[in-house]
C-alpha cells in the first residue's frame, strides 16, 4: 500500500476549499435538464464556405508533402 505525505497546512487548505465549494453549491442550485440536446442548423452558404475551406486545406497539405 502506498502512502503520500502531505503537510497539515496543505491538507487543511484543500479541505476548506472543498467545504466552501460544497457550501456555495447548496446555496446556488442550478437546475439542469437531464438528456438535454442542443440543435444547430447551418445555412447553405456556411456549408459551402466550410467545404471550400476544407478543400483548400487538403490541397495545401498535399503540396507540402
Protein backbone atom coordinates (compact mmCIF):
# COMPACT_ATOMS: atom_id res chain seq x y z
CA UNK A 1 0.00 0.00 0.00
CA UNK A 2 1.32 3.44 -0.98
CA UNK A 3 1.06 6.45 1.29
CA UNK A 4 1.78 10.05 0.48
CA UNK A 5 2.92 12.61 2.98
CA UNK A 6 1.11 15.92 2.85
CA UNK A 7 1.62 18.80 5.23
CA UNK A 8 -1.18 19.69 7.65
CA UNK A 9 -1.47 23.19 6.23
CA UNK A 10 -1.98 21.92 2.67
CA UNK A 11 -4.47 19.25 3.72
CA UNK A 12 -6.40 21.83 5.75
CA UNK A 13 -6.46 24.27 2.84
CA UNK A 14 -7.77 21.62 0.45
CA UNK A 15 -10.45 20.60 2.95
CA UNK A 16 -11.59 24.20 3.46
CA UNK A 17 -11.68 24.83 -0.30
CA UNK A 18 -13.83 21.75 -0.87
CA UNK A 19 -16.05 22.70 2.06
CA UNK A 20 -16.54 26.19 0.60
CA UNK A 21 -17.41 24.78 -2.84
CA UNK A 22 -19.99 22.45 -1.25
CA UNK A 23 -21.48 25.36 0.70
CA UNK A 24 -21.78 27.51 -2.42
CA UNK A 25 -23.28 24.62 -4.38
CA UNK A 26 -26.01 24.20 -1.78
CA UNK A 27 -26.88 27.90 -1.81
CA UNK A 28 -26.90 28.32 -5.59
CA UNK A 29 -28.62 25.30 -7.01
CA UNK A 30 -28.54 25.15 -10.78
CA UNK A 31 -31.39 23.33 -12.39
CA UNK A 32 -30.36 21.30 -15.39
CA UNK A 33 -32.35 19.06 -17.66
CA UNK A 34 -31.01 15.53 -17.99
CA UNK A 35 -30.51 14.43 -21.58
CA UNK A 36 -30.76 17.95 -22.93
CA UNK A 37 -29.64 18.32 -26.53
CA UNK A 38 -28.79 21.46 -28.46
CA UNK A 39 -29.79 21.60 -32.09
CA UNK A 40 -27.89 23.74 -34.55
CA UNK A 41 -28.69 24.43 -38.17
CA UNK A 42 -26.09 25.57 -40.68
CA UNK A 43 -27.09 27.71 -43.63
CA UNK A 44 -26.32 26.60 -47.17
CA UNK A 45 -23.80 29.41 -47.65
CA UNK A 46 -22.00 28.38 -44.46
CA UNK A 47 -21.82 24.79 -45.70
CA UNK A 48 -20.29 25.95 -48.97
CA UNK A 49 -17.68 28.03 -47.14
CA UNK A 50 -16.84 25.06 -44.92
CA UNK A 51 -16.38 22.79 -47.93
CA UNK A 52 -14.23 25.37 -49.71
CA UNK A 53 -12.06 25.77 -46.63
CA UNK A 54 -11.64 22.00 -46.27
CA UNK A 55 -10.74 21.68 -49.96
CA UNK A 56 -8.13 24.43 -49.76
CA UNK A 57 -6.60 22.90 -46.62
CA UNK A 58 -6.43 19.41 -48.15
CA UNK A 59 -4.84 20.71 -51.36
CA UNK A 60 -2.26 22.74 -49.44
CA UNK A 61 -1.46 19.68 -47.28
CA UNK A 62 -0.77 17.55 -50.35
CA UNK A 63 1.52 20.19 -51.88
CA UNK A 64 3.57 20.40 -48.65
CA UNK A 65 4.42 16.68 -48.80
